[in-house]
Amino acid sequence: MSEQVFTGFHHFAIRSPDLQRSVSFYEKIGFRKVHEWTLRDYGIDRAVMMQAPDGKSWIELFDLQAGIPMQGVGAQNGQEVSTGALAHLCLSVTDLDQACDRIVDAGARHLNGPEALTLGQPEVRVRNAIFEGPAGEVIELLQTVRFPGDR
């Protein structure tokens, strides 16, 4: 058996029509700016890495002009976002009701929930809610849950 070289989820990246608004939004829900850079050769005027409160994952934010690899067609200001494989990002929360209030206060738009769902066999009960972030990203909030196969 070979050694496991994949260790877990690191980050997801978002191109935002208003980068500073996205940075402020994620700061308001507990993420912290840990690095910022410019790469003119790639058309990146500003990129920001935001670390999650648990210190185990990050969100990478770019301006709309960033020449980064991505799926689909990039939206320009005021355009609809093209649908690709990324359906949503999910943030773990310890108190769903409090997190829902906080994410709305930070500027997210409420789309659905909170609701309780029963998933699969054996049954796992989850509580979640869905929001839209400042760059149009769909954000699921998921009350802390353990799945049967978790380590």
N, C-alpha and C. Protein backbone atom coordinates (compact mmCIF):
# COMPACT_ATOMS: atom_id res chain seq x y z
N MET A 1 0.84 -1.18 0.00
CA MET A 1 0.00 0.00 0.00
C MET A 1 0.89 1.25 0.00
N SER A 2 0.55 2.20 -0.84
CA SER A 2 1.37 3.41 -0.91
C SER A 2 0.96 4.40 0.18
N GLU A 3 1.87 5.28 0.50
CA GLU A 3 1.64 6.30 1.51
C GLU A 3 0.59 7.30 1.03
N GLN A 4 -0.31 7.67 1.89
CA GLN A 4 -1.34 8.67 1.56
C GLN A 4 -0.69 10.04 1.48
N VAL A 5 -0.73 10.66 0.32
CA VAL A 5 -0.12 11.97 0.14
C VAL A 5 -1.14 13.10 0.17
N PHE A 6 -2.41 12.79 0.01
CA PHE A 6 -3.45 13.82 0.09
C PHE A 6 -3.89 13.95 1.53
N THR A 7 -3.83 15.17 2.07
CA THR A 7 -4.07 15.35 3.49
C THR A 7 -5.39 16.02 3.83
N GLY A 8 -6.05 16.64 2.87
CA GLY A 8 -7.32 17.29 3.17
C GLY A 8 -7.56 18.49 2.29
N PHE A 9 -8.67 19.14 2.54
CA PHE A 9 -9.07 20.31 1.77
C PHE A 9 -8.23 21.51 2.21
N HIS A 10 -7.72 22.29 1.27
CA HIS A 10 -6.93 23.48 1.61
C HIS A 10 -7.73 24.76 1.42
N HIS A 11 -8.17 25.05 0.18
CA HIS A 11 -8.90 26.29 -0.05
C HIS A 11 -9.76 26.18 -1.30
N PHE A 12 -10.64 27.13 -1.44
CA PHE A 12 -11.31 27.34 -2.71
C PHE A 12 -11.07 28.79 -3.09
N ALA A 13 -11.18 29.09 -4.38
CA ALA A 13 -10.88 30.43 -4.87
C ALA A 13 -12.12 31.05 -5.48
N ILE A 14 -12.26 32.36 -5.30
CA ILE A 14 -13.39 33.12 -5.82
C ILE A 14 -12.85 34.36 -6.52
N ARG A 15 -13.35 34.63 -7.72
CA ARG A 15 -13.12 35.94 -8.35
C ARG A 15 -14.30 36.81 -7.98
N SER A 16 -14.03 37.95 -7.40
CA SER A 16 -15.09 38.81 -6.88
C SER A 16 -15.19 40.11 -7.67
N PRO A 17 -16.42 40.56 -7.93
CA PRO A 17 -16.59 41.86 -8.59
C PRO A 17 -16.24 43.02 -7.66
N ASP A 18 -16.19 42.78 -6.35
CA ASP A 18 -15.80 43.80 -5.37
C ASP A 18 -14.96 43.10 -4.31
N LEU A 19 -13.66 43.04 -4.58
CA LEU A 19 -12.75 42.27 -3.73
C LEU A 19 -12.77 42.74 -2.28
N GLN A 20 -12.74 44.04 -2.06
CA GLN A 20 -12.73 44.53 -0.68
C GLN A 20 -14.03 44.17 0.05
N ARG A 21 -15.14 44.19 -0.64
CA ARG A 21 -16.41 43.79 -0.03
C ARG A 21 -16.35 42.32 0.39
N SER A 22 -15.77 41.47 -0.48
CA SER A 22 -15.63 40.05 -0.14
C SER A 22 -14.70 39.85 1.05
N VAL A 23 -13.59 40.56 1.09
CA VAL A 23 -12.67 40.46 2.23
C VAL A 23 -13.40 40.86 3.50
N SER A 24 -14.09 41.98 3.48
CA SER A 24 -14.82 42.45 4.67
C SER A 24 -15.89 41.45 5.09
N PHE A 25 -16.61 40.87 4.12
CA PHE A 25 -17.64 39.89 4.42
C PHE A 25 -17.05 38.69 5.16
N TYR A 26 -15.99 38.11 4.63
CA TYR A 26 -15.41 36.93 5.27
C TYR A 26 -14.78 37.27 6.63
N GLU A 27 -14.24 38.48 6.78
CA GLU A 27 -13.74 38.90 8.10
C GLU A 27 -14.88 38.97 9.10
N LYS A 28 -16.03 39.47 8.68
CA LYS A 28 -17.18 39.60 9.59
C LYS A 28 -17.70 38.25 10.07
N ILE A 29 -17.47 37.18 9.30
CA ILE A 29 -17.93 35.87 9.75
C ILE A 29 -16.79 35.04 10.35
N GLY A 30 -15.67 35.68 10.64
CA GLY A 30 -14.62 35.03 11.43
C GLY A 30 -13.36 34.62 10.70
N PHE A 31 -13.30 34.77 9.38
CA PHE A 31 -12.07 34.47 8.66
C PHE A 31 -11.09 35.61 8.89
N ARG A 32 -9.80 35.32 8.70
CA ARG A 32 -8.82 36.37 8.91
C ARG A 32 -7.85 36.41 7.74
N LYS A 33 -7.53 37.64 7.32
CA LYS A 33 -6.61 37.84 6.21
C LYS A 33 -5.21 37.45 6.68
N VAL A 34 -4.60 36.48 5.97
CA VAL A 34 -3.28 36.02 6.37
C VAL A 34 -2.20 36.32 5.34
N HIS A 35 -2.61 36.70 4.13
CA HIS A 35 -1.62 37.03 3.11
C HIS A 35 -2.29 37.79 1.98
N GLU A 36 -1.52 38.64 1.32
CA GLU A 36 -2.01 39.41 0.19
C GLU A 36 -0.88 39.54 -0.81
N TRP A 37 -1.19 39.51 -2.13
CA TRP A 37 -0.15 39.60 -3.14
C TRP A 37 -0.67 40.13 -4.45
N THR A 38 0.28 40.46 -5.33
CA THR A 38 0.03 40.92 -6.70
C THR A 38 0.92 40.09 -7.62
N LEU A 39 0.37 39.64 -8.74
CA LEU A 39 1.16 38.96 -9.78
C LEU A 39 0.76 39.58 -11.12
N ARG A 40 1.43 40.64 -11.50
CA ARG A 40 1.08 41.38 -12.72
C ARG A 40 1.14 40.50 -13.96
N ASP A 41 2.08 39.53 -14.01
CA ASP A 41 2.19 38.66 -15.19
C ASP A 41 0.94 37.82 -15.40
N TYR A 42 0.14 37.64 -14.37
CA TYR A 42 -1.10 36.86 -14.47
C TYR A 42 -2.34 37.75 -14.40
N GLY A 43 -2.13 39.05 -14.46
CA GLY A 43 -3.26 39.98 -14.40
C GLY A 43 -3.87 40.08 -13.01
N ILE A 44 -3.13 39.69 -12.00
CA ILE A 44 -3.64 39.73 -10.62
C ILE A 44 -3.18 41.02 -9.97
N ASP A 45 -4.10 41.96 -9.85
CA ASP A 45 -3.79 43.23 -9.19
C ASP A 45 -3.79 43.06 -7.68
N ARG A 46 -4.66 42.17 -7.19
CA ARG A 46 -4.72 41.93 -5.75
C ARG A 46 -5.36 40.56 -5.51
N ALA A 47 -4.70 39.78 -4.68
CA ALA A 47 -5.24 38.51 -4.23
C ALA A 47 -5.08 38.46 -2.71
N VAL A 48 -6.04 37.84 -2.05
CA VAL A 48 -6.05 37.78 -0.58
C VAL A 48 -6.36 36.36 -0.14
N MET A 49 -5.57 35.85 0.79
CA MET A 49 -5.83 34.53 1.38
C MET A 49 -6.44 34.76 2.76
N MET A 50 -7.63 34.15 2.97
CA MET A 50 -8.36 34.29 4.22
C MET A 50 -8.39 32.93 4.92
N GLN A 51 -7.93 32.87 6.17
CA GLN A 51 -7.90 31.61 6.91
C GLN A 51 -9.18 31.44 7.73
N ALA A 52 -9.71 30.21 7.70
CA ALA A 52 -10.90 29.88 8.48
C ALA A 52 -10.60 29.93 9.97
N PRO A 53 -11.62 30.16 10.79
CA PRO A 53 -11.41 30.23 12.23
C PRO A 53 -10.77 28.97 12.83
N ASP A 54 -11.00 27.80 12.23
CA ASP A 54 -10.40 26.58 12.77
C ASP A 54 -8.95 26.41 12.34
N GLY A 55 -8.45 27.28 11.47
CA GLY A 55 -7.07 27.24 11.02
C GLY A 55 -6.75 26.10 10.07
N LYS A 56 -7.77 25.40 9.57
CA LYS A 56 -7.52 24.22 8.75
C LYS A 56 -7.89 24.39 7.28
N SER A 57 -8.47 25.52 6.90
CA SER A 57 -8.82 25.75 5.51
C SER A 57 -8.83 27.25 5.22
N TRP A 58 -8.84 27.58 3.92
CA TRP A 58 -8.72 28.97 3.50
C TRP A 58 -9.66 29.27 2.35
N ILE A 59 -9.91 30.57 2.13
CA ILE A 59 -10.61 31.08 0.96
C ILE A 59 -9.63 32.03 0.28
N GLU A 60 -9.42 31.84 -1.02
CA GLU A 60 -8.53 32.70 -1.79
C GLU A 60 -9.41 33.61 -2.64
N LEU A 61 -9.21 34.91 -2.51
CA LEU A 61 -10.05 35.89 -3.20
C LEU A 61 -9.23 36.65 -4.24
N PHE A 62 -9.82 36.81 -5.44
CA PHE A 62 -9.18 37.53 -6.53
C PHE A 62 -10.14 38.59 -7.06
N ASP A 63 -9.57 39.61 -7.72
CA ASP A 63 -10.41 40.56 -8.44
C ASP A 63 -10.87 39.91 -9.74
N LEU A 64 -11.86 40.50 -10.40
CA LEU A 64 -12.45 39.92 -11.61
C LEU A 64 -11.47 39.81 -12.78
N GLN A 65 -10.45 40.64 -12.81
CA GLN A 65 -9.53 40.63 -13.94
C GLN A 65 -8.43 39.58 -13.80
N ALA A 66 -8.37 38.90 -12.68
CA ALA A 66 -7.30 37.94 -12.43
C ALA A 66 -7.31 36.84 -13.49
N GLY A 67 -6.15 36.61 -14.08
CA GLY A 67 -6.01 35.58 -15.12
C GLY A 67 -5.69 34.23 -14.52
N ILE A 68 -6.57 33.74 -13.67
CA ILE A 68 -6.35 32.47 -12.99
C ILE A 68 -7.08 31.35 -13.70
N PRO A 69 -6.59 30.10 -13.60
CA PRO A 69 -7.33 28.99 -14.18
C PRO A 69 -8.67 28.83 -13.47
N MET A 70 -9.73 28.64 -14.24
CA MET A 70 -11.04 28.44 -13.64
C MET A 70 -11.96 27.77 -14.63
N GLN A 71 -13.01 27.21 -14.11
CA GLN A 71 -13.98 26.52 -14.95
C GLN A 71 -15.00 27.50 -15.49
N GLY A 72 -15.48 27.25 -16.68
CA GLY A 72 -16.55 28.06 -17.24
C GLY A 72 -16.05 29.40 -17.76
N VAL A 73 -16.97 30.29 -17.95
CA VAL A 73 -16.68 31.62 -18.47
C VAL A 73 -16.78 32.60 -17.32
N GLY A 74 -15.75 33.39 -17.12
CA GLY A 74 -15.76 34.37 -16.04
C GLY A 74 -16.77 35.46 -16.29
N ALA A 75 -17.48 35.83 -15.25
CA ALA A 75 -18.47 36.91 -15.36
C ALA A 75 -17.78 38.26 -15.27
N GLN A 76 -18.27 39.20 -16.04
CA GLN A 76 -17.83 40.58 -15.94
C GLN A 76 -18.80 41.30 -15.00
N ASN A 77 -18.49 42.51 -14.60
CA ASN A 77 -19.40 43.26 -13.73
C ASN A 77 -20.79 43.30 -14.34
N GLY A 78 -21.81 42.91 -13.55
CA GLY A 78 -23.19 42.97 -13.97
C GLY A 78 -23.67 41.77 -14.78
N GLN A 79 -22.78 40.83 -15.11
CA GLN A 79 -23.19 39.67 -15.89
C GLN A 79 -23.59 38.52 -14.98
N GLU A 80 -24.42 37.62 -15.53
CA GLU A 80 -24.76 36.39 -14.82
C GLU A 80 -23.53 35.51 -14.74
N VAL A 81 -23.41 34.75 -13.68
CA VAL A 81 -22.31 33.82 -13.52
C VAL A 81 -22.64 32.54 -14.28
N SER A 82 -21.70 32.04 -15.06
CA SER A 82 -21.89 30.78 -15.77
C SER A 82 -21.80 29.63 -14.78
N THR A 83 -22.65 28.64 -14.98
CA THR A 83 -22.66 27.50 -14.09
C THR A 83 -21.59 26.50 -14.50
N GLY A 84 -20.83 26.05 -13.51
CA GLY A 84 -19.82 25.04 -13.73
C GLY A 84 -20.01 23.93 -12.72
N ALA A 85 -18.96 23.22 -12.40
CA ALA A 85 -19.05 22.07 -11.50
C ALA A 85 -19.17 22.47 -10.04
N LEU A 86 -18.66 23.62 -9.65
CA LEU A 86 -18.73 24.03 -8.25
C LEU A 86 -20.15 24.46 -7.93
N ALA A 87 -20.82 23.68 -7.09
CA ALA A 87 -22.21 23.99 -6.73
C ALA A 87 -22.28 24.98 -5.59
N HIS A 88 -21.46 24.78 -4.58
CA HIS A 88 -21.46 25.67 -3.42
C HIS A 88 -20.23 25.41 -2.58
N LEU A 89 -19.97 26.30 -1.64
CA LEU A 89 -18.96 26.04 -0.63
C LEU A 89 -19.71 25.85 0.68
N CYS A 90 -19.19 25.03 1.54
CA CYS A 90 -19.88 24.72 2.79
C CYS A 90 -18.98 25.09 3.96
N LEU A 91 -19.52 25.83 4.90
CA LEU A 91 -18.80 26.22 6.11
C LEU A 91 -19.42 25.51 7.30
N SER A 92 -18.59 24.87 8.12
CA SER A 92 -19.06 24.23 9.34
C SER A 92 -19.34 25.28 10.39
N VAL A 93 -20.42 25.10 11.13
CA VAL A 93 -20.76 26.03 12.21
C VAL A 93 -21.18 25.25 13.45
N THR A 94 -20.95 25.82 14.62
CA THR A 94 -21.34 25.15 15.86
C THR A 94 -22.75 25.51 16.29
N ASP A 95 -23.26 26.67 15.86
CA ASP A 95 -24.61 27.12 16.20
C ASP A 95 -25.23 27.70 14.93
N LEU A 96 -26.06 26.91 14.25
CA LEU A 96 -26.60 27.30 12.95
C LEU A 96 -27.43 28.57 13.03
N ASP A 97 -28.28 28.69 14.03
CA ASP A 97 -29.14 29.87 14.12
C ASP A 97 -28.32 31.15 14.30
N GLN A 98 -27.34 31.10 15.16
CA GLN A 98 -26.47 32.26 15.38
C GLN A 98 -25.66 32.57 14.13
N ALA A 99 -25.16 31.52 13.46
CA ALA A 99 -24.37 31.72 12.24
C ALA A 99 -25.22 32.34 11.13
N CYS A 100 -26.50 31.93 11.03
CA CYS A 100 -27.40 32.51 10.03
C CYS A 100 -27.57 34.01 10.26
N ASP A 101 -27.78 34.40 11.49
CA ASP A 101 -27.90 35.82 11.81
C ASP A 101 -26.61 36.57 11.45
N ARG A 102 -25.49 35.97 11.80
CA ARG A 102 -24.21 36.64 11.58
C ARG A 102 -23.88 36.79 10.10
N ILE A 103 -24.17 35.77 9.29
CA ILE A 103 -23.82 35.85 7.87
C ILE A 103 -24.72 36.86 7.16
N VAL A 104 -25.97 36.97 7.57
CA VAL A 104 -26.86 37.99 7.01
C VAL A 104 -26.40 39.38 7.43
N ASP A 105 -26.04 39.54 8.70
CA ASP A 105 -25.52 40.83 9.17
C ASP A 105 -24.25 41.23 8.42
N ALA A 106 -23.47 40.24 7.98
CA ALA A 106 -22.24 40.50 7.24
C ALA A 106 -22.51 40.87 5.78
N GLY A 107 -23.75 40.64 5.30
CA GLY A 107 -24.10 41.05 3.95
C GLY A 107 -24.54 39.94 3.01
N ALA A 108 -24.66 38.72 3.50
CA ALA A 108 -25.12 37.62 2.64
C ALA A 108 -26.62 37.72 2.42
N ARG A 109 -27.07 37.14 1.32
CA ARG A 109 -28.50 37.09 1.01
C ARG A 109 -29.00 35.70 1.33
N HIS A 110 -30.06 35.62 2.15
CA HIS A 110 -30.64 34.34 2.56
C HIS A 110 -31.36 33.69 1.38
N LEU A 111 -31.06 32.41 1.12
CA LEU A 111 -31.72 31.68 0.03
C LEU A 111 -32.65 30.59 0.54
N ASN A 112 -32.24 29.84 1.59
CA ASN A 112 -33.04 28.71 2.05
C ASN A 112 -32.63 28.30 3.47
N GLY A 113 -33.62 27.81 4.24
CA GLY A 113 -33.35 27.25 5.57
C GLY A 113 -33.34 28.32 6.63
N PRO A 114 -32.96 27.94 7.82
CA PRO A 114 -32.43 26.65 8.25
C PRO A 114 -33.48 25.55 8.15
N GLU A 115 -32.97 24.37 7.86
CA GLU A 115 -33.84 23.21 7.80
C GLU A 115 -33.09 21.98 8.30
N ALA A 116 -33.85 20.98 8.72
CA ALA A 116 -33.29 19.70 9.14
C ALA A 116 -33.57 18.68 8.04
N LEU A 117 -32.56 17.93 7.68
CA LEU A 117 -32.68 16.92 6.64
C LEU A 117 -32.18 15.58 7.17
N THR A 118 -32.75 14.50 6.66
CA THR A 118 -32.27 13.16 6.97
C THR A 118 -31.62 12.61 5.71
N LEU A 119 -30.35 12.22 5.82
CA LEU A 119 -29.59 11.77 4.67
C LEU A 119 -29.20 10.31 4.80
N GLY A 120 -29.50 9.52 3.80
CA GLY A 120 -28.96 8.19 3.63
C GLY A 120 -29.30 7.14 4.65
N GLN A 121 -28.59 5.98 4.51
CA GLN A 121 -28.71 4.84 5.41
C GLN A 121 -27.31 4.43 5.83
N PRO A 122 -26.95 4.37 7.08
CA PRO A 122 -27.82 4.72 8.19
C PRO A 122 -28.15 6.22 8.16
N GLU A 123 -29.28 6.56 8.72
CA GLU A 123 -29.73 7.94 8.68
C GLU A 123 -28.79 8.87 9.44
N VAL A 124 -28.51 10.00 8.82
CA VAL A 124 -27.74 11.07 9.45
C VAL A 124 -28.60 12.31 9.39
N ARG A 125 -28.85 12.92 10.53
CA ARG A 125 -29.64 14.16 10.60
C ARG A 125 -28.68 15.34 10.49
N VAL A 126 -28.98 16.23 9.56
CA VAL A 126 -28.18 17.45 9.41
C VAL A 126 -29.09 18.66 9.48
N ARG A 127 -28.53 19.77 9.90
CA ARG A 127 -29.21 21.07 9.85
C ARG A 127 -28.35 21.99 9.02
N ASN A 128 -28.99 22.65 8.05
CA ASN A 128 -28.23 23.55 7.20
C ASN A 128 -29.07 24.74 6.77
N ALA A 129 -28.41 25.69 6.14
CA ALA A 129 -29.05 26.86 5.54
C ALA A 129 -28.17 27.30 4.37
N ILE A 130 -28.78 27.97 3.40
CA ILE A 130 -28.08 28.36 2.18
C ILE A 130 -28.17 29.88 1.99
N PHE A 131 -27.05 30.47 1.58
CA PHE A 131 -26.94 31.92 1.39
C PHE A 131 -26.16 32.22 0.12
N GLU A 132 -26.25 33.46 -0.33
CA GLU A 132 -25.43 33.93 -1.43
C GLU A 132 -24.46 34.96 -0.88
N GLY A 133 -23.18 34.78 -1.17
CA GLY A 133 -22.15 35.70 -0.71
C GLY A 133 -22.00 36.89 -1.63
N PRO A 134 -21.09 37.81 -1.30
CA PRO A 134 -20.98 39.07 -2.03
C PRO A 134 -20.50 38.93 -3.47
N ALA A 135 -19.85 37.82 -3.84
CA ALA A 135 -19.40 37.63 -5.21
C ALA A 135 -20.34 36.72 -5.99
N GLY A 136 -21.50 36.39 -5.39
CA GLY A 136 -22.44 35.49 -6.04
C GLY A 136 -22.22 34.04 -5.68
N GLU A 137 -21.23 33.75 -4.83
CA GLU A 137 -20.97 32.38 -4.43
C GLU A 137 -22.09 31.86 -3.53
N VAL A 138 -22.45 30.60 -3.71
CA VAL A 138 -23.47 29.98 -2.87
C VAL A 138 -22.76 29.36 -1.67
N ILE A 139 -23.22 29.74 -0.47
CA ILE A 139 -22.59 29.30 0.78
C ILE A 139 -23.59 28.49 1.58
N GLU A 140 -23.23 27.26 1.86
CA GLU A 140 -24.03 26.42 2.76
C GLU A 140 -23.42 26.52 4.15
N LEU A 141 -24.25 26.72 5.15
CA LEU A 141 -23.82 26.62 6.55
C LEU A 141 -24.33 25.29 7.06
N LEU A 142 -23.44 24.49 7.64
CA LEU A 142 -23.78 23.16 8.11
C LEU A 142 -23.45 23.03 9.59
N GLN A 143 -24.49 22.79 10.40
CA GLN A 143 -24.28 22.54 11.83
C GLN A 143 -23.34 21.34 11.96
N THR A 144 -22.37 21.42 12.86
CA THR A 144 -21.41 20.35 13.04
C THR A 144 -22.10 18.99 13.07
N VAL A 145 -21.59 18.07 12.25
CA VAL A 145 -22.19 16.73 12.12
C VAL A 145 -21.07 15.73 11.88
N ARG A 146 -21.30 14.49 12.30
CA ARG A 146 -20.36 13.40 12.00
C ARG A 146 -21.10 12.39 11.14
N PHE A 147 -20.43 11.94 10.09
CA PHE A 147 -20.99 10.92 9.21
C PHE A 147 -20.46 9.55 9.65
N PRO A 148 -21.21 8.49 9.35
CA PRO A 148 -20.82 7.16 9.82
C PRO A 148 -19.39 6.75 9.47
N GLY A 149 -18.90 7.17 8.31
CA GLY A 149 -17.56 6.78 7.90
C GLY A 149 -16.46 7.73 8.33
N ASP A 150 -16.79 8.81 9.07
CA ASP A 150 -15.78 9.77 9.52
C ASP A 150 -14.75 9.09 10.42
N ARG A 151 -13.53 9.58 10.36
CA ARG A 151 -12.46 9.09 11.25
C ARG A 151 -12.39 9.92 12.49
